[in-house]
């Protein structure tokens, strides 16, 4: 079972429908206790980074999320859910993140229209099972004003150009993040979700 974390932020039903559309068995959970026995975990997210971390902390999600990542459970962060995987964000002040990946979340440079809202291209940088049969320069749907700046370039699987080249898909080991909304990105997004489900199904 793929579980989708409900922490008061994120388009949960949209993520659930996307996973189910590609054949995944998923459900939404409201308690960290429900992470026990999960085959995979999805952390969606919309809104502000600091508010998201506050909600995760208040409901006791922080340590359980870190533990499932450390235990090798496949984990996918979507949009703000990807940003939360990093150490910190400068959105509306300085806020500490989960620290799964080294790096910060930064605002797009001045002069760019923010949020970036709409379709933009995915430039594949590394070969990875999550990206199997995903077309280079294919389009995905973005809505965000801040971007992830990893300190380790080896985790950057895909970049996107919005005034700067930023990391739009990251991954290391069992933990992945996508800045766009795959469930809203038509065939490209659904292919990434399909690949994630297949990665989950290949787990012993």
N, C-alpha and C. Protein backbone atom coordinates (compact mmCIF):
# COMPACT_ATOMS: atom_id res chain seq x y z
N UNK A 1 0.83 -1.20 0.00
CA UNK A 1 0.00 0.00 0.00
C UNK A 1 0.87 1.25 0.00
N UNK A 2 0.60 2.16 -0.93
CA UNK A 2 1.25 3.47 -0.95
C UNK A 2 0.41 4.41 -0.10
N UNK A 3 1.02 5.05 0.87
CA UNK A 3 0.27 5.96 1.73
C UNK A 3 0.61 7.41 1.38
N UNK A 4 -0.40 8.26 1.42
CA UNK A 4 -0.26 9.68 1.13
C UNK A 4 -0.51 10.44 2.43
N UNK A 5 0.47 11.24 2.84
CA UNK A 5 0.41 11.90 4.14
C UNK A 5 -0.50 13.12 4.09
N UNK A 6 -1.49 13.12 4.95
CA UNK A 6 -2.38 14.27 5.13
C UNK A 6 -1.91 15.04 6.36
N UNK A 7 -1.30 16.21 6.13
CA UNK A 7 -0.86 17.04 7.24
C UNK A 7 -1.47 18.45 7.13
N UNK A 8 -2.62 18.51 6.46
CA UNK A 8 -3.36 19.76 6.36
C UNK A 8 -2.95 20.63 5.19
N UNK A 9 -2.06 20.13 4.32
CA UNK A 9 -1.63 20.89 3.15
C UNK A 9 -1.44 19.93 1.98
N UNK A 10 -1.79 20.36 0.80
CA UNK A 10 -1.53 19.51 -0.35
C UNK A 10 -2.82 19.03 -0.99
N UNK A 11 -2.74 18.81 -2.28
CA UNK A 11 -3.89 18.34 -3.05
C UNK A 11 -3.94 16.82 -2.97
N UNK A 12 -4.46 16.34 -1.84
CA UNK A 12 -4.40 14.91 -1.53
C UNK A 12 -5.19 14.08 -2.52
N UNK A 13 -6.41 14.51 -2.80
CA UNK A 13 -7.28 13.71 -3.67
C UNK A 13 -6.71 13.64 -5.08
N UNK A 14 -6.11 14.72 -5.53
CA UNK A 14 -5.51 14.73 -6.86
C UNK A 14 -4.35 13.74 -6.92
N UNK A 15 -3.51 13.75 -5.89
CA UNK A 15 -2.39 12.79 -5.85
C UNK A 15 -2.91 11.36 -5.78
N UNK A 16 -3.93 11.14 -4.97
CA UNK A 16 -4.52 9.80 -4.85
C UNK A 16 -5.06 9.31 -6.19
N UNK A 17 -5.79 10.16 -6.87
CA UNK A 17 -6.38 9.77 -8.16
C UNK A 17 -5.28 9.49 -9.18
N UNK A 18 -4.20 10.29 -9.16
CA UNK A 18 -3.11 10.07 -10.10
C UNK A 18 -2.46 8.72 -9.91
N UNK A 19 -2.20 8.36 -8.66
CA UNK A 19 -1.58 7.06 -8.37
C UNK A 19 -2.51 5.92 -8.73
N UNK A 20 -3.78 6.07 -8.39
CA UNK A 20 -4.74 5.01 -8.72
C UNK A 20 -4.91 4.87 -10.23
N UNK A 21 -4.81 5.98 -10.96
CA UNK A 21 -4.99 5.93 -12.42
C UNK A 21 -3.92 5.08 -13.08
N UNK A 22 -2.72 5.04 -12.49
CA UNK A 22 -1.64 4.24 -13.09
C UNK A 22 -1.53 2.86 -12.44
N UNK A 23 -2.54 2.49 -11.68
CA UNK A 23 -2.59 1.13 -11.14
C UNK A 23 -2.03 0.97 -9.74
N UNK A 24 -1.70 2.08 -9.07
CA UNK A 24 -1.18 1.99 -7.71
C UNK A 24 -2.28 1.80 -6.69
N UNK A 25 -1.95 1.08 -5.63
CA UNK A 25 -2.88 0.88 -4.52
C UNK A 25 -2.51 1.88 -3.43
N UNK A 26 -3.35 2.89 -3.23
CA UNK A 26 -2.97 3.99 -2.34
C UNK A 26 -4.13 4.38 -1.42
N UNK A 27 -3.76 5.01 -0.31
CA UNK A 27 -4.76 5.60 0.58
C UNK A 27 -4.15 6.77 1.32
N UNK A 28 -5.00 7.66 1.79
CA UNK A 28 -4.58 8.83 2.54
C UNK A 28 -4.55 8.48 4.03
N UNK A 29 -3.49 8.91 4.72
CA UNK A 29 -3.38 8.65 6.15
C UNK A 29 -3.28 9.97 6.92
N UNK A 30 -3.79 9.96 8.17
CA UNK A 30 -3.78 11.16 9.01
C UNK A 30 -2.91 11.03 10.25
N UNK A 31 -2.35 9.84 10.48
CA UNK A 31 -1.56 9.62 11.69
C UNK A 31 -0.21 9.00 11.35
N UNK A 32 0.86 9.45 12.02
CA UNK A 32 2.17 8.83 11.79
C UNK A 32 2.19 7.34 12.07
N UNK A 33 1.31 6.88 12.95
CA UNK A 33 1.25 5.43 13.25
C UNK A 33 0.92 4.61 12.01
N UNK A 34 0.21 5.24 11.07
CA UNK A 34 -0.20 4.53 9.86
C UNK A 34 0.94 4.35 8.85
N UNK A 35 2.10 4.91 9.16
CA UNK A 35 3.26 4.67 8.30
C UNK A 35 3.81 3.25 8.47
N UNK A 36 3.51 2.63 9.59
CA UNK A 36 4.02 1.29 9.87
C UNK A 36 3.51 0.31 8.81
N UNK A 37 4.41 -0.37 8.16
CA UNK A 37 4.03 -1.36 7.15
C UNK A 37 3.76 -0.80 5.78
N UNK A 38 3.90 0.52 5.59
CA UNK A 38 3.65 1.10 4.28
C UNK A 38 4.69 0.62 3.28
N UNK A 39 4.24 0.33 2.07
CA UNK A 39 5.17 -0.06 1.00
C UNK A 39 5.87 1.14 0.41
N UNK A 40 5.23 2.31 0.46
CA UNK A 40 5.80 3.54 -0.05
C UNK A 40 5.03 4.71 0.55
N UNK A 41 5.66 5.89 0.48
CA UNK A 41 5.07 7.08 1.09
C UNK A 41 5.13 8.23 0.09
N UNK A 42 4.04 8.99 0.00
CA UNK A 42 3.99 10.19 -0.83
C UNK A 42 3.70 11.38 0.08
N UNK A 43 4.51 12.44 -0.06
CA UNK A 43 4.32 13.68 0.69
C UNK A 43 3.98 14.78 -0.30
N UNK A 44 2.69 15.10 -0.45
CA UNK A 44 2.32 16.19 -1.36
C UNK A 44 2.49 17.53 -0.64
N UNK A 45 2.19 18.62 -1.32
CA UNK A 45 2.30 19.90 -0.65
C UNK A 45 1.93 21.07 -1.52
N UNK A 46 1.19 22.00 -0.92
CA UNK A 46 0.89 23.29 -1.52
C UNK A 46 1.04 24.33 -0.41
N UNK A 47 1.29 25.58 -0.79
CA UNK A 47 1.36 26.63 0.21
C UNK A 47 2.79 26.90 0.66
N UNK A 48 2.91 27.47 1.85
CA UNK A 48 4.20 27.96 2.34
C UNK A 48 4.98 26.88 3.08
N UNK A 49 6.29 26.87 2.87
CA UNK A 49 7.21 25.91 3.48
C UNK A 49 7.11 25.93 5.00
N UNK A 50 7.20 27.13 5.59
CA UNK A 50 7.18 27.23 7.04
C UNK A 50 5.90 26.70 7.65
N UNK A 51 4.78 27.00 7.02
CA UNK A 51 3.49 26.49 7.50
C UNK A 51 3.45 24.96 7.40
N UNK A 52 3.99 24.45 6.30
CA UNK A 52 4.01 22.99 6.12
C UNK A 52 4.83 22.31 7.21
N UNK A 53 6.02 22.85 7.50
CA UNK A 53 6.85 22.25 8.56
C UNK A 53 6.18 22.37 9.92
N UNK A 54 5.51 23.47 10.17
CA UNK A 54 4.79 23.64 11.43
C UNK A 54 3.72 22.57 11.59
N UNK A 55 2.98 22.30 10.52
CA UNK A 55 1.95 21.27 10.58
C UNK A 55 2.54 19.88 10.78
N UNK A 56 3.64 19.58 10.07
CA UNK A 56 4.29 18.27 10.25
C UNK A 56 4.78 18.10 11.68
N UNK A 57 5.37 19.15 12.21
CA UNK A 57 5.92 19.08 13.57
C UNK A 57 4.80 18.91 14.61
N UNK A 58 3.73 19.68 14.46
CA UNK A 58 2.63 19.65 15.43
C UNK A 58 1.96 18.29 15.49
N UNK A 59 1.90 17.60 14.34
CA UNK A 59 1.22 16.30 14.28
C UNK A 59 2.18 15.13 14.50
N UNK A 60 3.46 15.42 14.77
CA UNK A 60 4.41 14.35 15.08
C UNK A 60 4.92 13.56 13.90
N UNK A 61 4.97 14.20 12.72
CA UNK A 61 5.39 13.49 11.51
C UNK A 61 6.91 13.49 11.29
N UNK A 62 7.63 14.42 11.88
CA UNK A 62 9.03 14.66 11.49
C UNK A 62 9.90 13.40 11.63
N UNK A 63 10.00 12.89 12.83
CA UNK A 63 10.87 11.72 13.06
C UNK A 63 10.38 10.48 12.32
N UNK A 64 9.07 10.19 12.30
CA UNK A 64 8.61 9.03 11.52
C UNK A 64 8.94 9.13 10.03
N UNK A 65 8.84 10.33 9.44
CA UNK A 65 9.21 10.49 8.04
C UNK A 65 10.70 10.22 7.85
N UNK A 66 11.53 10.79 8.71
CA UNK A 66 12.97 10.55 8.62
C UNK A 66 13.29 9.07 8.75
N UNK A 67 12.55 8.38 9.60
CA UNK A 67 12.81 6.96 9.83
C UNK A 67 12.46 6.12 8.61
N UNK A 68 11.30 6.38 7.98
CA UNK A 68 10.94 5.57 6.81
C UNK A 68 11.92 5.82 5.66
N UNK A 69 12.41 7.06 5.56
CA UNK A 69 13.42 7.35 4.53
C UNK A 69 14.70 6.58 4.82
N UNK A 70 15.11 6.56 6.09
CA UNK A 70 16.32 5.83 6.48
C UNK A 70 16.15 4.33 6.34
N UNK A 71 14.93 3.84 6.46
CA UNK A 71 14.66 2.40 6.38
C UNK A 71 14.58 1.89 4.95
N UNK A 72 14.68 2.77 3.97
CA UNK A 72 14.66 2.33 2.58
C UNK A 72 13.29 2.26 1.95
N UNK A 73 12.28 2.79 2.61
CA UNK A 73 10.93 2.80 2.04
C UNK A 73 10.88 3.82 0.90
N UNK A 74 10.39 3.46 -0.28
CA UNK A 74 10.29 4.43 -1.37
C UNK A 74 9.47 5.64 -0.94
N UNK A 75 10.01 6.83 -1.19
CA UNK A 75 9.40 8.07 -0.70
C UNK A 75 9.41 9.10 -1.83
N UNK A 76 8.26 9.71 -2.08
CA UNK A 76 8.13 10.70 -3.15
C UNK A 76 7.54 11.99 -2.59
N UNK A 77 8.31 13.09 -2.70
CA UNK A 77 7.81 14.41 -2.34
C UNK A 77 7.36 15.14 -3.59
N UNK A 78 6.19 15.78 -3.52
CA UNK A 78 5.61 16.48 -4.66
C UNK A 78 5.47 17.96 -4.32
N UNK A 79 6.00 18.83 -5.20
CA UNK A 79 5.92 20.28 -5.08
C UNK A 79 6.54 20.72 -3.75
N UNK A 80 5.78 21.33 -2.84
CA UNK A 80 6.34 21.70 -1.54
C UNK A 80 6.83 20.45 -0.80
N UNK A 81 6.22 19.31 -1.07
CA UNK A 81 6.70 18.06 -0.47
C UNK A 81 8.13 17.74 -0.87
N UNK A 82 8.54 18.11 -2.08
CA UNK A 82 9.94 17.98 -2.48
C UNK A 82 10.80 18.98 -1.73
N UNK A 83 10.35 20.22 -1.63
CA UNK A 83 11.12 21.25 -0.96
C UNK A 83 11.37 20.91 0.51
N UNK A 84 10.41 20.29 1.15
CA UNK A 84 10.54 19.93 2.56
C UNK A 84 11.66 18.92 2.81
N UNK A 85 12.08 18.21 1.78
CA UNK A 85 13.16 17.23 1.93
C UNK A 85 14.52 17.90 2.17
N UNK A 86 14.61 19.19 1.91
CA UNK A 86 15.89 19.89 2.03
C UNK A 86 16.07 20.48 3.43
N UNK A 87 17.26 21.04 3.66
CA UNK A 87 17.62 21.47 5.01
C UNK A 87 16.89 22.73 5.47
N UNK A 88 16.64 23.64 4.54
CA UNK A 88 16.08 24.92 4.96
C UNK A 88 15.44 25.62 3.77
N UNK A 89 14.59 26.62 4.09
CA UNK A 89 13.96 27.46 3.08
C UNK A 89 14.00 28.90 3.53
N UNK A 90 14.14 29.80 2.56
CA UNK A 90 14.11 31.22 2.86
C UNK A 90 12.73 31.82 2.61
N UNK A 91 11.73 30.99 2.40
CA UNK A 91 10.38 31.50 2.14
C UNK A 91 9.79 32.11 3.41
N UNK A 92 9.50 33.41 3.37
CA UNK A 92 8.90 34.12 4.51
C UNK A 92 9.73 33.93 5.77
N UNK A 93 11.05 34.17 5.64
CA UNK A 93 11.97 33.97 6.76
C UNK A 93 12.73 32.68 6.58
N UNK A 94 13.54 32.34 7.57
CA UNK A 94 14.33 31.10 7.53
C UNK A 94 13.60 29.99 8.27
N UNK A 95 13.45 28.86 7.62
CA UNK A 95 12.74 27.73 8.22
C UNK A 95 13.54 26.45 7.99
N UNK A 96 13.64 25.64 9.01
CA UNK A 96 14.33 24.35 8.91
C UNK A 96 13.44 23.33 8.24
N UNK A 97 14.06 22.52 7.34
CA UNK A 97 13.33 21.46 6.69
C UNK A 97 13.65 20.10 7.28
N UNK A 98 13.31 19.04 6.56
CA UNK A 98 13.55 17.68 7.03
C UNK A 98 15.02 17.29 6.99
N UNK A 99 15.78 17.90 6.08
CA UNK A 99 17.21 17.63 6.02
C UNK A 99 17.59 16.29 5.43
N UNK A 100 16.71 15.71 4.63
CA UNK A 100 17.04 14.45 3.95
C UNK A 100 18.11 14.72 2.88
N UNK A 101 17.97 15.85 2.19
CA UNK A 101 18.94 16.27 1.20
C UNK A 101 19.61 17.56 1.66
N UNK A 102 20.88 17.72 1.34
CA UNK A 102 21.61 18.94 1.66
C UNK A 102 21.26 20.02 0.64
N UNK A 103 20.97 21.22 1.14
CA UNK A 103 20.66 22.33 0.25
C UNK A 103 19.53 23.17 0.79
N UNK A 104 19.23 24.24 0.07
CA UNK A 104 18.23 25.20 0.51
C UNK A 104 17.17 25.42 -0.56
N UNK A 105 16.06 25.97 -0.12
CA UNK A 105 14.98 26.36 -1.02
C UNK A 105 15.01 27.89 -1.11
N UNK A 106 15.13 28.41 -2.34
CA UNK A 106 15.35 29.83 -2.57
C UNK A 106 14.27 30.41 -3.47
N UNK A 107 14.07 31.71 -3.33
CA UNK A 107 13.11 32.40 -4.19
C UNK A 107 13.74 32.64 -5.56
N UNK A 108 12.92 32.56 -6.61
CA UNK A 108 13.41 32.89 -7.94
C UNK A 108 13.95 34.32 -7.96
N UNK A 109 14.97 34.58 -8.78
CA UNK A 109 15.56 35.93 -8.83
C UNK A 109 14.53 36.99 -9.20
N UNK A 110 14.79 38.22 -8.75
CA UNK A 110 13.91 39.33 -9.09
C UNK A 110 13.90 39.52 -10.60
N UNK A 111 12.77 40.00 -11.10
CA UNK A 111 12.61 40.19 -12.54
C UNK A 111 11.82 39.08 -13.19
N UNK A 112 11.72 37.93 -12.52
CA UNK A 112 10.94 36.82 -13.05
C UNK A 112 9.51 36.89 -12.49
N UNK A 113 8.56 36.52 -13.30
CA UNK A 113 7.19 36.48 -12.82
C UNK A 113 7.03 35.29 -11.87
N UNK A 114 6.57 35.56 -10.66
CA UNK A 114 6.33 34.48 -9.71
C UNK A 114 4.89 34.60 -9.18
N UNK A 115 4.25 33.46 -8.94
CA UNK A 115 4.82 32.13 -9.12
C UNK A 115 4.99 31.75 -10.60
N UNK A 116 5.93 30.82 -10.84
CA UNK A 116 5.93 30.16 -12.14
C UNK A 116 4.68 29.30 -12.18
N UNK A 117 3.80 29.57 -13.09
CA UNK A 117 2.54 28.84 -13.13
C UNK A 117 2.26 28.43 -14.57
N UNK A 118 2.28 27.13 -14.80
CA UNK A 118 2.00 26.64 -16.14
C UNK A 118 2.97 25.56 -16.56
N UNK A 119 3.03 25.32 -17.87
CA UNK A 119 3.82 24.22 -18.42
C UNK A 119 5.25 24.66 -18.69
N UNK A 120 6.20 23.78 -18.36
CA UNK A 120 7.60 24.04 -18.65
C UNK A 120 8.28 22.70 -18.92
N UNK A 121 9.47 22.77 -19.52
CA UNK A 121 10.13 21.57 -20.00
C UNK A 121 11.01 20.90 -18.93
N UNK A 122 11.13 19.60 -19.09
CA UNK A 122 11.99 18.78 -18.23
C UNK A 122 13.23 18.37 -19.03
N UNK A 123 14.41 18.77 -18.57
CA UNK A 123 15.66 18.42 -19.22
C UNK A 123 16.34 17.31 -18.41
N UNK A 124 16.32 16.11 -18.96
CA UNK A 124 16.85 14.94 -18.24
C UNK A 124 18.37 15.01 -18.16
N UNK A 125 18.90 14.89 -16.94
CA UNK A 125 20.34 14.98 -16.72
C UNK A 125 20.97 13.62 -16.42
N UNK A 126 20.25 12.75 -15.76
CA UNK A 126 20.78 11.44 -15.39
C UNK A 126 19.76 10.37 -15.72
N UNK A 127 20.25 9.20 -16.07
CA UNK A 127 19.37 8.06 -16.29
C UNK A 127 18.92 7.49 -14.95
N UNK A 128 17.63 7.22 -14.85
CA UNK A 128 17.10 6.71 -13.58
C UNK A 128 15.80 5.97 -13.86
N UNK A 129 15.52 4.94 -13.06
CA UNK A 129 14.30 4.17 -13.25
C UNK A 129 13.04 5.03 -13.12
N UNK A 130 13.09 6.08 -12.31
CA UNK A 130 11.94 6.96 -12.15
C UNK A 130 11.61 7.68 -13.46
N UNK A 131 12.61 7.79 -14.34
CA UNK A 131 12.45 8.55 -15.59
C UNK A 131 12.36 7.65 -16.82
N UNK A 132 12.19 6.36 -16.61
CA UNK A 132 12.13 5.42 -17.74
C UNK A 132 11.02 5.83 -18.71
N UNK A 133 11.39 6.00 -19.98
CA UNK A 133 10.46 6.38 -21.06
C UNK A 133 9.84 7.76 -20.89
N UNK A 134 10.39 8.58 -20.01
CA UNK A 134 9.97 9.98 -19.93
C UNK A 134 10.75 10.76 -21.00
N UNK A 135 10.08 11.47 -21.88
CA UNK A 135 10.80 12.13 -22.98
C UNK A 135 11.62 13.32 -22.50
N UNK A 136 12.86 13.40 -22.98
CA UNK A 136 13.66 14.59 -22.72
C UNK A 136 12.97 15.79 -23.36
N UNK A 137 12.91 16.89 -22.62
CA UNK A 137 12.26 18.13 -23.05
C UNK A 137 10.73 18.03 -23.05
N UNK A 138 10.20 16.97 -22.45
CA UNK A 138 8.76 16.89 -22.26
C UNK A 138 8.28 17.95 -21.29
N UNK A 139 6.99 18.18 -21.27
CA UNK A 139 6.42 19.26 -20.47
C UNK A 139 5.72 18.74 -19.22
N UNK A 140 5.84 19.51 -18.12
CA UNK A 140 5.14 19.22 -16.88
C UNK A 140 4.53 20.51 -16.35
N UNK A 141 3.59 20.38 -15.43
CA UNK A 141 2.84 21.53 -14.93
C UNK A 141 3.38 21.99 -13.57
N UNK A 142 3.82 23.26 -13.51
CA UNK A 142 4.43 23.83 -12.32
C UNK A 142 3.56 24.94 -11.73
N UNK A 143 3.60 25.04 -10.39
CA UNK A 143 3.06 26.19 -9.67
C UNK A 143 3.95 26.41 -8.46
N UNK A 144 4.90 27.36 -8.54
CA UNK A 144 5.78 27.59 -7.40
C UNK A 144 6.54 28.90 -7.57
N UNK A 145 6.92 29.49 -6.41
CA UNK A 145 7.70 30.73 -6.39
C UNK A 145 9.11 30.51 -5.89
N UNK A 146 9.38 29.32 -5.35
CA UNK A 146 10.69 28.99 -4.78
C UNK A 146 11.19 27.70 -5.44
N UNK A 147 12.51 27.55 -5.47
CA UNK A 147 13.11 26.40 -6.12
C UNK A 147 14.16 25.78 -5.19
N UNK A 148 14.46 24.50 -5.40
CA UNK A 148 15.44 23.78 -4.59
C UNK A 148 16.83 23.95 -5.19
N UNK A 149 17.79 24.24 -4.31
CA UNK A 149 19.19 24.39 -4.71
C UNK A 149 20.01 23.34 -3.96
N UNK A 150 20.10 22.11 -4.49
CA UNK A 150 20.86 21.05 -3.82
C UNK A 150 22.35 21.38 -3.77
N UNK A 151 23.00 20.98 -2.68
CA UNK A 151 24.45 21.14 -2.60
C UNK A 151 25.17 20.00 -3.30
N UNK A 152 24.51 18.88 -3.46
CA UNK A 152 25.10 17.72 -4.12
C UNK A 152 24.51 17.59 -5.52
N UNK A 153 25.28 17.92 -6.56
CA UNK A 153 24.72 17.86 -7.92
C UNK A 153 24.35 16.45 -8.36
N UNK A 154 24.87 15.44 -7.68
CA UNK A 154 24.59 14.07 -8.11
C UNK A 154 23.14 13.65 -7.85
N UNK A 155 22.40 14.41 -7.05
CA UNK A 155 21.00 14.05 -6.79
C UNK A 155 20.06 14.69 -7.82
N UNK A 156 20.60 15.57 -8.67
CA UNK A 156 19.75 16.28 -9.64
C UNK A 156 19.53 15.40 -10.86
N UNK A 157 18.31 14.90 -11.01
CA UNK A 157 17.97 14.02 -12.12
C UNK A 157 17.45 14.79 -13.32
N UNK A 158 16.76 15.89 -13.06
CA UNK A 158 16.12 16.68 -14.11
C UNK A 158 16.24 18.16 -13.73
N UNK A 159 16.46 19.01 -14.73
CA UNK A 159 16.43 20.45 -14.51
C UNK A 159 15.37 21.08 -15.40
N UNK A 160 14.99 22.29 -15.03
CA UNK A 160 14.03 23.08 -15.80
C UNK A 160 14.55 24.52 -15.84
N UNK A 161 14.34 25.19 -16.96
CA UNK A 161 14.81 26.56 -17.14
C UNK A 161 13.66 27.53 -16.90
N UNK A 162 13.80 28.33 -15.84
CA UNK A 162 12.87 29.46 -15.63
C UNK A 162 13.72 30.65 -15.19
N UNK A 163 14.40 31.25 -16.15
CA UNK A 163 15.34 32.30 -15.85
C UNK A 163 16.68 31.75 -15.37
N UNK A 164 16.62 30.71 -14.59
CA UNK A 164 17.79 29.94 -14.16
C UNK A 164 17.47 28.46 -14.38
N UNK A 165 18.51 27.63 -14.42
CA UNK A 165 18.29 26.18 -14.43
C UNK A 165 18.15 25.73 -12.98
N UNK A 166 17.00 25.16 -12.65
CA UNK A 166 16.79 24.68 -11.28
C UNK A 166 16.46 23.19 -11.30
N UNK A 167 16.66 22.55 -10.17
CA UNK A 167 16.39 21.11 -10.04
C UNK A 167 14.88 20.89 -9.98
N UNK A 168 14.35 20.15 -10.96
CA UNK A 168 12.91 19.87 -10.96
C UNK A 168 12.59 18.43 -10.60
N UNK A 169 13.58 17.54 -10.65
CA UNK A 169 13.45 16.19 -10.10
C UNK A 169 14.77 15.86 -9.41
N UNK A 170 14.67 15.37 -8.17
CA UNK A 170 15.85 14.94 -7.43
C UNK A 170 15.64 13.52 -6.94
N UNK A 171 16.74 12.84 -6.67
CA UNK A 171 16.61 11.49 -6.15
C UNK A 171 17.92 10.94 -5.65
N UNK A 172 17.85 10.20 -4.57
CA UNK A 172 19.00 9.46 -4.05
C UNK A 172 18.47 8.28 -3.27
N UNK A 173 18.97 7.09 -3.64
CA UNK A 173 18.50 5.89 -2.94
C UNK A 173 17.01 5.71 -3.15
N UNK A 174 16.28 5.66 -2.06
CA UNK A 174 14.84 5.42 -2.09
C UNK A 174 14.01 6.68 -2.03
N UNK A 175 14.65 7.86 -2.00
CA UNK A 175 13.92 9.11 -1.79
C UNK A 175 13.98 9.96 -3.07
N UNK A 176 12.80 10.44 -3.50
CA UNK A 176 12.68 11.21 -4.73
C UNK A 176 11.83 12.46 -4.47
N UNK A 177 12.04 13.47 -5.29
CA UNK A 177 11.20 14.65 -5.23
C UNK A 177 10.97 15.20 -6.61
N UNK A 178 9.76 15.69 -6.86
CA UNK A 178 9.42 16.35 -8.12
C UNK A 178 8.81 17.71 -7.79
N UNK A 179 9.31 18.77 -8.44
CA UNK A 179 8.82 20.11 -8.14
C UNK A 179 7.46 20.38 -8.78
N UNK A 180 7.18 19.76 -9.88
CA UNK A 180 5.92 19.94 -10.58
C UNK A 180 4.85 19.01 -10.00
N UNK A 181 3.65 19.11 -10.54
CA UNK A 181 2.55 18.24 -10.12
C UNK A 181 2.38 17.13 -11.16
N UNK A 182 2.90 15.92 -10.90
CA UNK A 182 2.79 14.87 -11.91
C UNK A 182 1.35 14.49 -12.22
N UNK A 183 0.48 14.57 -11.21
CA UNK A 183 -0.92 14.19 -11.41
C UNK A 183 -1.65 15.17 -12.32
N UNK A 184 -1.05 16.36 -12.56
CA UNK A 184 -1.65 17.36 -13.45
C UNK A 184 -0.86 17.52 -14.75
N UNK A 185 0.14 16.67 -14.95
CA UNK A 185 1.07 16.83 -16.07
C UNK A 185 0.83 15.85 -17.20
N UNK A 186 -0.38 15.37 -17.31
CA UNK A 186 -0.80 14.51 -18.41
C UNK A 186 0.15 13.32 -18.59
N UNK A 187 0.50 12.99 -19.83
CA UNK A 187 1.20 11.73 -20.07
C UNK A 187 2.59 11.69 -19.42
N UNK A 188 3.29 12.82 -19.39
CA UNK A 188 4.63 12.85 -18.79
C UNK A 188 4.54 12.59 -17.29
N UNK A 189 3.63 13.29 -16.62
CA UNK A 189 3.48 13.09 -15.19
C UNK A 189 2.99 11.71 -14.83
N UNK A 190 2.04 11.21 -15.61
CA UNK A 190 1.51 9.87 -15.33
C UNK A 190 2.58 8.80 -15.55
N UNK A 191 3.49 9.04 -16.50
CA UNK A 191 4.57 8.08 -16.70
C UNK A 191 5.50 8.06 -15.49
N UNK A 192 5.78 9.21 -14.93
CA UNK A 192 6.62 9.25 -13.72
C UNK A 192 5.93 8.54 -12.57
N UNK A 193 4.63 8.76 -12.40
CA UNK A 193 3.90 8.05 -11.36
C UNK A 193 3.89 6.54 -11.62
N UNK A 194 3.74 6.15 -12.89
CA UNK A 194 3.81 4.73 -13.25
C UNK A 194 5.15 4.14 -12.84
N UNK A 195 6.22 4.86 -13.15
CA UNK A 195 7.57 4.38 -12.80
C UNK A 195 7.74 4.28 -11.29
N UNK A 196 7.19 5.23 -10.55
CA UNK A 196 7.28 5.17 -9.09
C UNK A 196 6.54 3.93 -8.57
N UNK A 197 5.35 3.69 -9.08
CA UNK A 197 4.58 2.51 -8.66
C UNK A 197 5.35 1.23 -9.00
N UNK A 198 5.98 1.19 -10.16
CA UNK A 198 6.76 0.00 -10.53
C UNK A 198 7.98 -0.17 -9.63
N UNK A 199 8.62 0.94 -9.24
CA UNK A 199 9.72 0.85 -8.28
C UNK A 199 9.23 0.25 -6.95
N UNK A 200 8.07 0.69 -6.53
CA UNK A 200 7.48 0.17 -5.29
C UNK A 200 7.20 -1.33 -5.41
N UNK A 201 6.62 -1.72 -6.53
CA UNK A 201 6.25 -3.12 -6.71
C UNK A 201 7.46 -4.05 -6.80
N UNK A 202 8.61 -3.48 -7.18
CA UNK A 202 9.82 -4.31 -7.25
C UNK A 202 10.50 -4.48 -5.89
N UNK A 203 10.02 -3.78 -4.88
CA UNK A 203 10.61 -3.93 -3.54
C UNK A 203 10.30 -5.31 -3.00
N UNK A 204 11.25 -5.93 -2.30
CA UNK A 204 10.99 -7.27 -1.72
C UNK A 204 9.91 -7.22 -0.65
